[in-house]
Amino acid sequence: MTAAATLLGARGGYAQSDSGSDDDLLSRARKLSSEPYRPGNRTLPPPFAGLDYDSYRGIRPLPGLAAMLDHGGVYAVDLLPPGLFFKTPVTVDRVTENGIEPYGFSPDLFSFDLRYFDEIPAEAPNAGFSGVRLRTALNHPDEKNEFLVIQGASYFRAIGRDMVYGLSARSVALGTGGGAPEEFPEIIHLRLHTPVDGKLRIEGLIDSPSLSAHIDMRVTPGDDTRQAISVTIFPRKTLDSIGVAPLTSMYFKGPLRSSVGDDFRPAVHDSDVLVVQNGAGETLWRPVGNPAKVQSSSFNDTDPRSFGLYQSDRRFAAFQDTEAKYGQRPSARVEPRGDWGNGAVILIEIPTGDEFMDNIVAFWRPSQSLEKGSEHRFDYDLVWTLSPPPENGARIFQTRSGIDPNDRQSLQFVVDFEGLPENVWPELAATDGAQASDPVLLPLPAGEREAAGKHAPTRLRVAFKLRPGNADRSDLRLVMRGPQSQALAPVWIHRWTRARDGGV
């Protein structure tokens, strides 16, 4: 039975409270789906109305009132103010031994930078918190560092030890990358449970015109921060463009078509590759890009093992950016629990002219539509990590491309591998009538470890040329095979599309 067609009671995963009472968020989500959608009040009163980026940042939760609130000793909670993009009020409460206790909202829970604010009213009718920030002793035993933020629509993002925030996740995506406007389901209620054995549990109630939903996450921060997540979806209408376990990231430029931006930095991105471990046992390595037009790629699968957006190179030299710290931004990997059945990992790439827009989205889409009035639960682990992408014998550590100086209607590609044996041979294919030259294998100079006198795996470059001809796009697939035609490394996949000026 697949997740897209299985009712909640038949699924595995974490047990969720379903008492049917008004206080139970799962029951409330189920009930909401049978009622007409009623959007919350998004008109903010002073002092939270009409804020720009700087004035919103001038609002700070006050320690002991809305910041650093003790949560079971191990954790602390910050309650986040409304304003700017965050206009929907979010009810925040916690489960205690005395029952459910809500956090009350008031302007006097915050400080206001006098450069942007004059008189602060005592009350702000119809305003509420915009989300929460969680802290624990992540990087130092005597300091509670933030590791999880839930704010804006159904977005959340997390970090582990020695990381800085980068890509985000969502509870659910609707219509992403399609022709119609995207719908953004919103978390309208967050519930914090008392930590048990240091484990943090958070529930969320989600609502939108097309669905209601419930998310239950159990978070374990550390070197990697791991979230065990269950999302239960209640469609108000039949959904055929849903995204499960969506990840959202940014890719502006890198060594693949680096001419997209005139920038002193060689690379600017939170993630540069989608890695899929599919149900057939393959590892797919798909570099992401900043195309001239929106691109959607589908990787059909049955019961995927994992998919994630990765930062594949963490050296300072790769980015040359002392402020953004792209090398310390996490990768995020989705690991399904149970059988997800037939569907596809979808990758959406959106054009951007700078690094301030999240333009990369990856998610799972079931092959069957989610029917109106049904229930569907998806269980998975979400891992925020600095670890390299999964390997399949060898690893890919770099992809580059550029115009061939001897034939400006062609592109040169190089794909660099580490750990391949000597008797390997490349199998390369290109679609849509584009012509790919026979790939050439070239040994690479010693890496940094070998230069330091340490043993390191052999590095090998695969070089080839692509001449698109009249094609507007071409999907490339490179497999490094051994003597028995077995794949000895992740399968390299790339979609070439025309540049913004119409050239190669």
Protein backbone atom coordinates (compact mmCIF):
# COMPACT_ATOMS: atom_id res chain seq x y z
CA MET A 1 0.00 0.00 0.00
CA THR A 2 1.41 3.39 -0.95
CA ALA A 3 1.45 6.54 1.13
CA ALA A 4 -0.57 8.34 -1.53
CA ALA A 5 -3.43 5.89 -1.20
CA THR A 6 -3.26 4.74 2.40
CA LEU A 7 -5.36 6.08 5.22
CA LEU A 8 -3.73 7.30 8.40
CA GLY A 9 -4.68 4.28 10.49
CA ALA A 10 -2.85 1.90 8.17
CA ARG A 11 0.47 3.71 8.21
CA GLY A 12 3.50 3.17 10.38
CA GLY A 13 5.60 5.83 12.07
CA TYR A 14 5.13 7.78 15.23
CA ALA A 15 1.87 7.49 17.11
CA GLN A 16 -0.08 10.73 17.03
CA SER A 17 -2.74 11.88 19.43
CA ASP A 18 -6.16 11.63 17.81
CA SER A 19 -8.57 12.07 20.67
CA GLY A 20 -11.14 13.95 18.65
CA SER A 21 -11.17 16.83 21.12
CA ASP A 22 -10.94 20.46 20.06
CA ASP A 23 -7.48 20.60 21.67
CA ASP A 24 -6.10 17.82 19.47
CA LEU A 25 -4.36 19.37 16.44
CA LEU A 26 -4.63 16.27 14.26
CA SER A 27 -8.38 16.10 14.86
CA ARG A 28 -8.67 19.82 14.19
CA ALA A 29 -6.87 19.41 10.87
CA ARG A 30 -9.27 16.62 9.87
CA LYS A 31 -12.27 18.74 10.86
CA LEU A 32 -11.00 21.82 9.02
CA SER A 33 -10.85 19.91 5.74
CA SER A 34 -14.63 19.38 5.81
CA GLU A 35 -15.30 23.09 6.35
CA PRO A 36 -14.97 26.03 3.93
CA TYR A 37 -11.57 27.68 4.02
CA ARG A 38 -11.53 30.82 6.14
CA PRO A 39 -8.32 32.84 5.75
CA GLY A 40 -6.94 34.46 8.87
CA ASN A 41 -6.75 38.22 9.34
CA ARG A 42 -3.63 39.43 7.52
CA THR A 43 -4.14 43.14 8.15
CA LEU A 44 -1.61 44.08 10.81
CA PRO A 45 -2.16 46.96 13.25
CA PRO A 46 0.55 49.37 14.46
CA PRO A 47 3.40 48.98 15.29
CA PHE A 48 3.68 45.89 13.07
CA ALA A 49 2.13 47.30 9.89
CA GLY A 50 4.01 48.69 6.90
CA LEU A 51 7.47 47.47 7.92
CA ASP A 52 10.43 47.12 5.60
CA TYR A 53 13.35 44.75 6.09
CA ASP A 54 15.33 47.05 8.39
CA SER A 55 12.40 48.14 10.58
CA TYR A 56 11.24 44.55 11.02
CA ARG A 57 14.71 43.60 12.17
CA GLY A 58 14.40 46.46 14.65
CA ILE A 59 11.85 44.43 16.65
CA ARG A 60 13.45 42.11 19.18
CA PRO A 61 11.81 39.58 21.55
CA LEU A 62 12.65 40.59 25.13
CA PRO A 63 14.50 38.00 27.25
CA GLY A 64 12.19 36.42 29.80
CA LEU A 65 9.09 37.73 28.03
CA ALA A 66 9.30 36.47 24.45
CA ALA A 67 12.94 35.33 24.22
CA MET A 68 14.97 32.66 25.99
CA LEU A 69 11.85 31.17 27.58
CA ASP A 70 12.78 27.96 29.35
CA HIS A 71 11.44 24.80 27.77
CA GLY A 72 12.25 21.73 29.81
CA GLY A 73 15.67 22.94 30.89
CA VAL A 74 17.44 21.67 27.76
CA TYR A 75 15.78 24.09 25.36
CA ALA A 76 14.73 27.72 25.17
CA VAL A 77 12.01 29.28 23.01
CA ASP A 78 11.87 32.65 21.25
CA LEU A 79 8.44 33.88 20.15
CA LEU A 80 8.77 35.79 16.88
CA PRO A 81 6.98 39.08 16.08
CA PRO A 82 4.67 39.66 13.09
CA GLY A 83 5.44 42.08 10.28
CA LEU A 84 7.05 42.34 6.84
CA PHE A 85 6.22 39.03 5.07
CA PHE A 86 4.85 37.40 8.24
CA LYS A 87 1.28 38.64 8.63
CA THR A 88 -0.75 35.54 9.51
CA PRO A 89 -1.15 35.18 13.30
CA VAL A 90 0.13 31.87 14.65
CA THR A 91 -1.23 30.52 17.92
CA VAL A 92 1.62 29.12 20.02
CA ASP A 93 1.04 26.97 23.08
CA ARG A 94 2.79 24.28 25.08
CA VAL A 95 1.81 21.05 26.76
CA THR A 96 2.56 21.04 30.50
CA GLU A 97 1.64 18.82 33.43
CA ASN A 98 -1.22 21.24 34.05
CA GLY A 99 -2.56 20.95 30.52
CA ILE A 100 -2.18 23.13 27.45
CA GLU A 101 -0.95 26.65 28.19
CA PRO A 102 -1.03 29.31 25.43
CA TYR A 103 1.54 32.05 25.10
CA GLY A 104 -0.23 35.42 25.21
CA PHE A 105 0.66 38.02 22.59
CA SER A 106 1.31 41.69 23.31
CA PRO A 107 3.58 44.46 21.92
CA ASP A 108 5.26 44.80 25.31
CA LEU A 109 6.92 41.41 24.78
CA PHE A 110 9.29 43.10 22.32
CA SER A 111 11.77 45.95 22.13
CA PHE A 112 11.53 48.42 19.23
CA ASP A 113 14.45 50.24 17.64
CA LEU A 114 13.78 53.98 18.10
CA ARG A 115 15.23 54.70 14.65
CA TYR A 116 12.12 53.13 13.12
CA PHE A 117 9.41 53.41 15.79
CA ASP A 118 7.86 56.23 17.80
CA GLU A 119 5.04 55.53 20.22
CA ILE A 120 4.25 51.85 20.78
CA PRO A 121 0.58 51.06 21.50
CA ALA A 122 -0.24 48.87 24.48
CA GLU A 123 -2.32 46.51 22.33
CA ALA A 124 -2.25 45.25 18.75
CA PRO A 125 -5.67 43.79 17.92
CA ASN A 126 -5.70 40.81 15.52
CA ALA A 127 -1.89 40.51 15.59
CA GLY A 128 -0.14 37.40 16.83
CA PHE A 129 3.18 35.61 16.82
CA SER A 130 4.66 34.74 13.41
CA GLY A 131 6.49 31.62 14.56
CA VAL A 132 9.09 30.30 16.97
CA ARG A 133 12.84 29.92 17.27
CA LEU A 134 14.33 27.07 19.33
CA ARG A 135 17.66 27.11 21.13
CA THR A 136 19.89 24.61 22.91
CA ALA A 137 23.55 24.21 23.91
CA LEU A 138 24.62 23.34 20.37
CA ASN A 139 28.07 24.90 19.97
CA HIS A 140 28.97 25.65 23.59
CA PRO A 141 27.77 24.01 26.84
CA ASP A 142 27.14 27.38 28.50
CA GLU A 143 25.27 29.06 25.66
CA LYS A 144 21.94 28.23 24.05
CA ASN A 145 22.34 28.61 20.28
CA GLU A 146 19.44 28.66 17.86
CA PHE A 147 19.03 25.53 15.74
CA LEU A 148 15.45 25.62 14.41
CA VAL A 149 13.17 28.38 13.13
CA ILE A 150 9.54 27.85 12.07
CA GLN A 151 8.22 31.00 10.41
CA GLY A 152 6.42 32.03 7.23
CA ALA A 153 3.75 29.88 5.49
CA SER A 154 4.76 26.31 6.46
CA TYR A 155 8.51 26.93 6.15
CA PHE A 156 11.11 25.84 8.67
CA ARG A 157 14.88 25.56 8.65
CA ALA A 158 17.42 23.98 10.94
CA ILE A 159 21.16 23.74 11.49
CA GLY A 160 23.55 21.47 13.31
CA ARG A 161 26.80 22.20 15.10
CA ASP A 162 29.03 24.86 13.48
CA MET A 163 26.53 25.57 10.70
CA VAL A 164 24.84 28.77 9.51
CA TYR A 165 21.34 28.92 8.06
CA GLY A 166 20.92 28.19 4.37
CA LEU A 167 18.22 26.18 2.64
CA SER A 168 14.71 25.69 4.06
CA ALA A 169 12.07 22.97 4.21
CA ARG A 170 8.30 23.12 4.06
CA SER A 171 5.50 20.97 5.39
CA VAL A 172 3.89 20.74 1.94
CA ALA A 173 4.09 22.43 -1.48
CA LEU A 174 1.21 23.05 -3.90
CA GLY A 175 1.54 23.97 -7.57
CA THR A 176 5.28 24.65 -7.37
CA GLY A 177 6.76 25.25 -10.81
CA GLY A 178 3.40 24.97 -12.57
CA GLY A 179 1.64 27.43 -14.83
CA ALA A 180 -0.87 28.58 -12.19
CA PRO A 181 0.10 30.65 -9.14
CA GLU A 182 1.64 28.60 -6.35
CA GLU A 183 -0.43 28.08 -3.20
CA PHE A 184 1.33 28.37 0.15
CA PRO A 185 -0.35 26.44 2.98
CA GLU A 186 0.21 28.19 6.31
CA ILE A 187 0.95 26.98 9.81
CA ILE A 188 -1.71 28.63 11.97
CA HIS A 189 -1.01 26.84 15.27
CA LEU A 190 2.20 25.51 16.84
CA ARG A 191 2.31 23.28 19.91
CA LEU A 192 5.46 22.59 21.92
CA HIS A 193 5.58 19.39 23.97
CA THR A 194 7.63 18.95 27.12
CA PRO A 195 10.97 17.37 26.13
CA VAL A 196 11.34 13.69 27.00
CA ASP A 197 14.90 12.35 27.40
CA GLY A 198 16.12 15.51 25.70
CA LYS A 199 13.96 14.94 22.61
CA LEU A 200 11.95 17.91 21.36
CA ARG A 201 8.49 17.46 19.85
CA ILE A 202 6.57 20.15 17.94
CA GLU A 203 3.18 19.90 16.25
CA GLY A 204 1.73 22.24 13.65
CA LEU A 205 -1.78 22.81 12.27
CA ILE A 206 -1.76 23.83 8.59
CA ASP A 207 -4.51 25.39 6.50
CA SER A 208 -4.99 26.60 2.91
CA PRO A 209 -7.76 26.80 0.29
CA SER A 210 -6.89 23.33 -1.08
CA LEU A 211 -6.06 21.36 2.07
CA SER A 212 -5.63 21.19 5.78
CA ALA A 213 -2.72 19.27 7.28
CA HIS A 214 -0.92 18.31 10.46
CA ILE A 215 2.84 18.08 10.95
CA ASP A 216 4.47 16.27 13.85
CA MET A 217 8.23 16.69 14.16
CA ARG A 218 10.63 15.27 16.73
CA VAL A 219 13.93 17.08 16.65
CA THR A 220 17.35 15.93 17.80
CA PRO A 221 19.98 18.68 17.44
CA GLY A 222 23.67 17.80 17.29
CA ASP A 223 26.56 17.51 14.84
CA ASP A 224 23.74 16.74 12.41
CA THR A 225 20.28 17.93 13.35
CA ARG A 226 17.69 15.26 12.62
CA GLN A 227 13.94 15.71 12.40
CA ALA A 228 11.63 12.69 12.45
CA ILE A 229 8.57 14.05 10.65
CA SER A 230 5.04 12.84 9.99
CA VAL A 231 2.79 14.94 7.75
CA THR A 232 -0.90 14.07 7.44
CA ILE A 233 -2.74 15.73 4.56
CA PHE A 234 -6.51 16.25 4.28
CA PRO A 235 -7.39 17.51 0.75
CA ARG A 236 -10.31 19.92 0.39
CA LYS A 237 -10.08 19.29 -3.36
CA THR A 238 -8.34 16.67 -5.46
CA LEU A 239 -4.62 17.46 -5.55
CA ASP A 240 -2.52 16.44 -8.55
CA SER A 241 0.42 18.83 -8.11
CA ILE A 242 1.38 18.26 -4.49
CA GLY A 243 4.94 18.31 -3.23
CA VAL A 244 5.80 16.09 -0.25
CA ALA A 245 8.86 16.85 1.92
CA PRO A 246 9.79 19.93 -0.13
CA LEU A 247 13.23 21.51 0.14
CA THR A 248 13.85 25.08 -1.03
CA SER A 249 17.31 26.46 -1.76
CA MET A 250 19.29 29.08 -3.73
CA TYR A 251 21.65 28.69 -6.65
CA PHE A 252 22.89 31.86 -8.35
CA LYS A 253 26.16 30.86 -10.00
CA GLY A 254 28.92 28.29 -10.04
CA PRO A 255 31.39 26.65 -12.44
CA LEU A 256 28.51 25.39 -14.59
CA ARG A 257 27.79 28.41 -16.87
CA SER A 258 29.54 30.83 -14.52
CA SER A 259 28.88 33.71 -16.94
CA VAL A 260 25.34 34.08 -15.53
CA GLY A 261 26.65 36.71 -13.09
CA ASP A 262 29.60 39.13 -13.06
CA ASP A 263 30.75 38.50 -9.51
CA PHE A 264 34.15 38.31 -7.82
CA ARG A 265 33.11 35.06 -6.17
CA PRO A 266 33.55 31.85 -8.19
CA ALA A 267 30.37 30.33 -6.72
CA VAL A 268 27.27 31.69 -4.96
CA HIS A 269 24.78 29.09 -3.75
CA ASP A 270 23.27 27.34 -0.75
CA SER A 271 23.12 24.06 -2.68
CA ASP A 272 24.65 22.93 -5.95
CA VAL A 273 23.45 19.37 -6.50
CA LEU A 274 20.37 17.19 -6.07
CA VAL A 275 21.32 13.66 -5.01
CA VAL A 276 18.72 10.88 -5.25
CA GLN A 277 19.17 7.35 -3.93
CA ASN A 278 16.37 5.65 -5.80
CA GLY A 279 14.50 2.44 -5.17
CA ALA A 280 16.44 0.67 -7.95
CA GLY A 281 19.71 1.09 -6.03
CA GLU A 282 21.14 3.89 -8.19
CA THR A 283 22.61 7.11 -6.85
CA LEU A 284 21.73 10.02 -9.15
CA TRP A 285 23.87 13.17 -9.11
CA ARG A 286 22.10 16.13 -10.70
CA PRO A 287 23.86 19.52 -10.56
CA VAL A 288 21.31 22.34 -10.21
CA GLY A 289 21.46 25.56 -12.21
CA ASN A 290 20.16 29.05 -12.82
CA PRO A 291 18.40 28.69 -16.17
CA ALA A 292 16.99 31.34 -18.50
CA LYS A 293 13.48 29.87 -18.10
CA VAL A 294 11.75 27.83 -15.41
CA GLN A 295 12.76 24.18 -15.69
CA SER A 296 11.04 21.14 -14.18
CA SER A 297 12.78 17.76 -14.08
CA SER A 298 11.16 14.50 -12.99
CA PHE A 299 13.00 11.42 -11.68
CA ASN A 300 10.46 8.60 -11.64
CA ASP A 301 10.88 6.11 -8.83
CA THR A 302 9.28 3.55 -6.56
CA ASP A 303 9.97 3.68 -2.82
CA PRO A 304 12.92 6.12 -2.90
CA ARG A 305 15.65 5.62 -0.31
CA SER A 306 16.54 9.31 -0.03
CA PHE A 307 16.79 12.61 -1.87
CA GLY A 308 18.48 15.83 -0.84
CA LEU A 309 19.94 19.16 -1.86
CA TYR A 310 23.66 19.27 -1.09
CA GLN A 311 26.48 21.76 -0.81
CA SER A 312 29.14 19.55 -2.38
CA ASP A 313 32.23 21.75 -1.88
CA ARG A 314 32.87 23.37 1.50
CA ARG A 315 36.29 24.92 0.91
CA PHE A 316 36.61 28.69 1.35
CA ALA A 317 38.40 28.77 -2.02
CA ALA A 318 35.21 27.56 -3.71
CA PHE A 319 33.28 30.70 -2.67
CA GLN A 320 35.78 33.40 -1.56
CA ASP A 321 33.04 34.93 0.63
CA THR A 322 33.95 35.89 4.20
CA GLU A 323 30.44 37.03 5.15
CA ALA A 324 27.91 34.62 3.62
CA LYS A 325 29.85 31.53 4.79
CA TYR A 326 28.40 29.34 2.06
CA GLY A 327 30.74 26.53 3.02
CA GLN A 328 29.07 26.27 6.44
CA ARG A 329 25.51 26.12 5.13
CA PRO A 330 23.86 22.74 5.62
CA SER A 331 22.78 20.15 3.12
CA ALA A 332 19.37 18.58 3.76
CA ARG A 333 18.47 14.95 3.05
CA VAL A 334 14.97 13.40 3.10
CA GLU A 335 14.91 9.74 4.18
CA PRO A 336 11.43 8.19 3.71
CA ARG A 337 10.17 5.84 6.41
CA GLY A 338 8.03 3.04 5.06
CA ASP A 339 7.00 2.56 1.44
CA TRP A 340 6.11 5.70 -0.51
CA GLY A 341 5.08 3.74 -3.60
CA ASN A 342 5.20 5.10 -7.14
CA GLY A 343 5.96 8.72 -7.89
CA ALA A 344 8.83 11.00 -8.77
CA VAL A 345 11.39 13.30 -7.24
CA ILE A 346 10.69 16.67 -8.85
CA LEU A 347 13.34 19.37 -9.28
CA ILE A 348 12.27 22.94 -10.07
CA GLU A 349 14.89 25.48 -11.23
CA ILE A 350 13.81 29.14 -11.49
CA PRO A 351 15.80 31.99 -13.07
CA THR A 352 17.25 34.55 -10.66
CA GLY A 353 19.41 37.63 -11.12
CA ASP A 354 20.92 37.59 -7.64
CA GLU A 355 21.48 35.49 -4.54
CA PHE A 356 18.48 36.83 -2.60
CA MET A 357 15.83 34.62 -4.17
CA ASP A 358 15.30 30.97 -3.34
CA ASN A 359 15.06 29.48 -6.82
CA ILE A 360 15.62 25.74 -6.34
CA VAL A 361 12.91 23.37 -5.08
CA ALA A 362 12.97 19.57 -4.74
CA PHE A 363 10.15 17.33 -3.48
CA TRP A 364 8.38 14.00 -3.89
CA ARG A 365 5.19 13.83 -5.96
CA PRO A 366 3.02 10.67 -5.71
CA SER A 367 1.93 9.22 -9.06
CA GLN A 368 -1.71 9.17 -7.93
CA SER A 369 -3.66 12.32 -7.14
CA LEU A 370 -4.73 12.86 -3.55
CA GLU A 371 -8.52 12.73 -3.69
CA LYS A 372 -10.82 15.20 -1.99
CA GLY A 373 -11.98 13.92 1.39
CA SER A 374 -9.16 11.37 1.79
CA GLU A 375 -6.29 11.21 4.30
CA HIS A 376 -2.63 10.66 3.46
CA ARG A 377 0.31 10.39 5.81
CA PHE A 378 3.97 10.61 4.87
CA ASP A 379 6.68 9.66 7.37
CA TYR A 380 10.31 10.64 6.85
CA ASP A 381 13.49 11.77 8.52
CA LEU A 382 15.02 15.10 7.53
CA VAL A 383 18.76 15.41 8.19
CA TRP A 384 20.60 18.76 8.21
CA THR A 385 24.28 17.98 7.73
CA LEU A 386 27.72 19.13 6.61
CA SER A 387 28.56 15.60 5.48
CA PRO A 388 29.31 14.98 1.78
CA PRO A 389 26.67 13.46 -0.51
CA PRO A 390 26.24 9.68 -0.61
CA GLU A 391 28.75 7.78 -2.71
CA ASN A 392 28.32 4.78 -4.97
CA GLY A 393 31.83 3.34 -4.89
CA ALA A 394 33.46 6.55 -6.11
CA ARG A 395 32.31 10.13 -5.77
CA ILE A 396 31.83 13.14 -8.02
CA PHE A 397 33.51 16.24 -6.66
CA GLN A 398 33.25 18.79 -9.45
CA THR A 399 31.39 19.69 -12.66
CA ARG A 400 32.40 22.54 -14.96
CA SER A 401 31.36 23.83 -18.37
CA GLY A 402 32.28 26.61 -20.79
CA ILE A 403 32.15 27.58 -24.44
CA ASP A 404 34.60 25.74 -26.66
CA PRO A 405 37.05 28.42 -27.94
CA ASN A 406 37.47 26.50 -31.22
CA ASP A 407 33.74 26.05 -31.84
CA ARG A 408 31.57 28.63 -30.14
CA GLN A 409 28.45 26.60 -30.93
CA SER A 410 29.68 23.89 -28.57
CA LEU A 411 30.20 23.59 -24.84
CA GLN A 412 33.04 21.81 -23.10
CA PHE A 413 32.11 19.76 -20.02
CA VAL A 414 34.37 18.22 -17.41
CA VAL A 415 33.14 15.93 -14.64
CA ASP A 416 35.71 15.03 -12.00
CA PHE A 417 35.59 11.77 -10.05
CA GLU A 418 37.51 10.44 -7.08
CA GLY A 419 38.10 6.79 -6.23
CA LEU A 420 37.46 5.16 -9.63
CA PRO A 421 39.44 2.03 -10.60
CA GLU A 422 41.70 1.96 -13.66
CA ASN A 423 39.49 -0.26 -15.83
CA VAL A 424 36.53 2.10 -15.88
CA TRP A 425 34.78 3.30 -19.06
CA PRO A 426 32.26 6.12 -19.57
CA GLU A 427 28.80 5.72 -21.08
CA LEU A 428 27.40 9.08 -22.24
CA ALA A 429 24.03 9.91 -23.80
CA ALA A 430 22.36 13.18 -24.89
CA THR A 431 18.71 13.71 -25.84
CA ASP A 432 16.74 15.94 -28.25
CA GLY A 433 19.17 15.66 -31.15
CA ALA A 434 22.12 17.29 -29.39
CA GLN A 435 25.49 15.74 -30.27
CA ALA A 436 27.91 14.72 -27.54
CA SER A 437 31.49 13.83 -28.40
CA ASP A 438 33.10 10.64 -27.18
CA PRO A 439 34.22 11.29 -23.60
CA VAL A 440 37.94 11.36 -22.82
CA LEU A 441 39.45 10.17 -19.53
CA LEU A 442 42.21 12.34 -18.07
CA PRO A 443 44.14 11.79 -14.82
CA LEU A 444 44.13 14.77 -12.49
CA PRO A 445 47.06 16.10 -10.44
CA ALA A 446 47.41 15.05 -6.83
CA GLY A 447 44.78 16.46 -4.51
CA GLU A 448 45.37 18.43 -1.33
CA ARG A 449 45.74 15.31 0.83
CA GLU A 450 48.37 13.81 -1.46
CA ALA A 451 50.24 17.12 -1.60
CA ALA A 452 50.42 16.97 2.19
CA GLY A 453 51.92 13.48 2.03
CA LYS A 454 48.66 11.65 2.84
CA HIS A 455 47.08 8.90 0.80
CA ALA A 456 44.03 9.94 -1.22
CA PRO A 457 41.91 8.16 -3.84
CA THR A 458 42.88 8.57 -7.49
CA ARG A 459 41.16 11.46 -9.26
CA LEU A 460 39.97 11.18 -12.85
CA ARG A 461 38.41 13.72 -15.22
CA VAL A 462 35.82 12.89 -17.86
CA ALA A 463 35.84 15.53 -20.62
CA PHE A 464 33.46 15.86 -23.57
CA LYS A 465 31.86 18.43 -25.85
CA LEU A 466 28.17 19.09 -26.45
CA ARG A 467 26.97 20.60 -29.72
CA PRO A 468 23.24 21.33 -29.29
CA GLY A 469 22.51 22.24 -32.90
CA ASN A 470 18.85 23.35 -33.12
CA ALA A 471 17.89 21.88 -29.76
CA ASP A 472 16.66 24.19 -27.00
CA ARG A 473 17.45 21.66 -24.31
CA SER A 474 19.19 18.36 -23.87
CA ASP A 475 19.34 15.94 -20.95
CA LEU A 476 22.79 14.40 -20.47
CA ARG A 477 23.49 11.17 -18.64
CA LEU A 478 26.98 9.90 -17.80
CA VAL A 479 27.55 6.48 -16.21
CA MET A 480 31.00 5.24 -15.22
CA ARG A 481 30.98 1.47 -15.78
CA GLY A 482 33.24 -1.39 -14.78
CA PRO A 483 34.21 -4.65 -16.54
CA GLN A 484 30.77 -6.20 -15.93
CA SER A 485 29.03 -2.96 -17.01
CA GLN A 486 28.22 -2.19 -13.39
CA ALA A 487 27.92 1.47 -12.32
CA LEU A 488 30.99 2.43 -10.25
CA ALA A 489 29.97 5.96 -9.25
CA PRO A 490 26.86 8.09 -8.93
CA VAL A 491 25.07 8.55 -12.25
CA TRP A 492 25.79 12.11 -13.43
CA ILE A 493 22.78 13.87 -14.96
CA HIS A 494 22.57 17.38 -16.36
CA ARG A 495 20.00 19.39 -18.28
CA TRP A 496 21.47 21.82 -20.78
CA THR A 497 19.25 24.72 -21.83
CA ARG A 498 20.01 27.80 -23.88
CA ALA A 499 21.61 30.80 -22.17
CA ARG A 500 19.79 34.03 -21.58
CA ASP A 501 21.12 35.46 -24.86
CA GLY A 502 19.94 32.38 -26.77
CA GLY A 503 23.43 30.98 -27.16
CA VAL A 504 24.86 27.71 -25.94
